[in-house]
C-alpha atoms as a PDB file:
ATOM      1  CA  MET A   1     257.142-176.521-190.410  1.00  0.00           C
ATOM      2  CA  ASP A   2     253.431-176.066-190.890  1.00  0.00           C
ATOM      3  CA  GLU A   3     252.765-179.245-189.053  1.00  0.00           C
ATOM      4  CA  THR A   4     254.832-178.057-186.069  1.00  0.00           C
ATOM      5  CA  TYR A   5     252.641-174.875-185.757  1.00  0.00           C
ATOM      6  CA  ARG A   6     249.507-176.846-186.132  1.00  0.00           C
ATOM      7  CA  MET A   7     250.744-179.136-183.216  1.00  0.00           C
ATOM      8  CA  LEU A   8     251.700-176.176-181.041  1.00  0.00           C
ATOM      9  CA  GLY A   9     248.331-174.554-181.658  1.00  0.00           C
ATOM     10  CA  ARG A  10     246.512-177.843-180.628  1.00  0.00           C
ATOM     11  CA  GLU A  11     248.636-178.109-177.419  1.00  0.00           C
ATOM     12  CA  HIS A  12     247.813-174.363-176.659  1.00  0.00           C
ATOM     13  CA  GLU A  13     244.024-175.025-177.150  1.00  0.00           C
ATOM     14  CA  ALA A  14     244.220-178.033-174.995  1.00  0.00           C
ATOM     15  CA  ASP A  15     246.020-176.059-172.243  1.00  0.00           C
ATOM     16  CA  LEU A  16     243.346-173.383-172.409  1.00  0.00           C
ATOM     17  CA  GLU A  17     240.658-176.069-172.106  1.00  0.00           C
ATOM     18  CA  ARG A  18     242.252-177.531-169.135  1.00  0.00           C
ATOM     19  CA  GLU A  19     242.662-174.149-167.540  1.00  0.00           C
ATOM     20  CA  ALA A  20     238.827-173.486-168.301  1.00  0.00           C
ATOM     21  CA  GLU A  21     237.935-176.722-166.765  1.00  0.00           C
ATOM     22  CA  ARG A  22     240.019-175.979-163.610  1.00  0.00           C
ATOM     23  CA  TRP A  23     238.069-172.592-163.365  1.00  0.00           C
ATOM     24  CA  ARG A  24     234.639-174.230-163.717  1.00  0.00           C
ATOM     25  CA  LEU A  25     235.330-176.778-161.139  1.00  0.00           C
ATOM     26  CA  ALA A  26     236.656-174.074-158.700  1.00  0.00           C
ATOM     27  CA  ASN A  27     233.452-172.268-159.183  1.00  0.00           C
ATOM     28  CA  GLN A  28     231.391-175.151-158.427  1.00  0.00           C
ATOM     29  CA  ALA A  29     233.355-175.777-155.266  1.00  0.00           C
ATOM     30  CA  ARG A  30     232.923-172.166-154.185  1.00  0.00           C
ATOM     31  CA  GLU A  31     229.069-172.021-154.643  1.00  0.00           C
ATOM     32  CA  PRO A  32     227.991-173.709-151.499  1.00  0.00           C
ATOM     33  CA  ARG A  33     230.330-171.600-149.276  1.00  0.00           C
ATOM     34  CA  ARG A  34     228.840-168.426-150.767  1.00  0.00           C
ATOM     35  CA  ALA A  35     225.356-169.543-149.876  1.00  0.00           C
ATOM     36  CA  SER A  36     226.162-170.451-146.457  1.00  0.00           C
ATOM     37  CA  ARG A  37     227.893-167.113-145.737  1.00  0.00           C
ATOM     38  CA  VAL A  38     224.849-165.391-146.845  1.00  0.00           C
ATOM     39  CA  GLU A  39     222.766-167.458-144.491  1.00  0.00           C
ATOM     40  CA  GLN A  40     225.220-166.796-141.512  1.00  0.00           C
ATOM     41  CA  ASN A  41     225.078-163.010-142.266  1.00  0.00           C
ATOM     42  CA  ILE A  42     221.133-163.031-142.165  1.00  0.00           C
ATOM     43  CA  ASP A  43     221.306-164.974-138.900  1.00  0.00           C
ATOM     44  CA  ARG A  44     223.702-162.643-137.351  1.00  0.00           C
ATOM     45  CA  GLU A  45     221.654-159.543-138.552  1.00  0.00           C
ATOM     46  CA  SER A  46     218.540-160.946-137.077  1.00  0.00           C
ATOM     47  CA  ARG A  47     220.115-161.725-133.737  1.00  0.00           C
ATOM     48  CA  THR A  48     221.597-158.201-133.648  1.00  0.00           C
ATOM     49  CA  GLY A  49     218.242-156.838-134.490  1.00  0.00           C
ATOM     50  CA  SER A  50     216.605-158.857-131.636  1.00  0.00           C
ATOM     51  CA  PHE A  51     219.180-157.755-129.200  1.00  0.00           C
ATOM     52  CA  LEU A  52     218.711-154.029-130.143  1.00  0.00           C
ATOM     53  CA  ARG A  53     214.984-154.295-129.887  1.00  0.00           C
ATOM     54  CA  ALA A  54     215.254-155.836-126.339  1.00  0.00           C
ATOM     55  CA  VAL A  55     217.638-153.170-125.212  1.00  0.00           C
ATOM     56  CA  ILE A  56     215.280-150.450-126.481  1.00  0.00           C
ATOM     57  CA  ALA A  57     212.212-152.084-124.859  1.00  0.00           C
ATOM     58  CA  ALA A  58     214.186-152.199-121.589  1.00  0.00           C
ATOM     59  CA  PHE A  59     214.986-148.605-121.737  1.00  0.00           C
ATOM     60  CA  ARG A  60     211.323-147.806-122.498  1.00  0.00           C
ATOM     61  CA  MET A  61     210.172-149.738-119.665  1.00  0.00           C
ATOM     62  CA  ARG A  62     212.645-148.199-117.388  1.00  0.00           C
ATOM     63  CA  GLY A  63     211.432-144.784-118.336  1.00  0.00           C
ATOM     64  CA  ALA A  64     214.783-143.483-119.526  1.00  0.00           C
ATOM     65  CA  PRO A  65     214.509-139.881-121.069  1.00  0.00           C
ATOM     66  CA  ALA A  66     214.757-139.712-124.758  1.00  0.00           C
ATOM     67  CA  ASP A  67     216.989-136.613-124.770  1.00  0.00           C
ATOM     68  CA  GLY A  68     219.470-137.902-122.343  1.00  0.00           C
END
């Protein structure tokens, strides 16, 4: 009977190790995508900032009143 429980315990530990390995592999696969999303957000923010600066400069050149 003791041998049965030892065997079940070893199988359970092996299952946990396989699941942990799956999580490690999944995290490694996700790393590059996270980095690229950050870069995409930075690029998008810089383009938005450039556009807003251009719009503000156009209004200033046009002489639009600040208080509407």
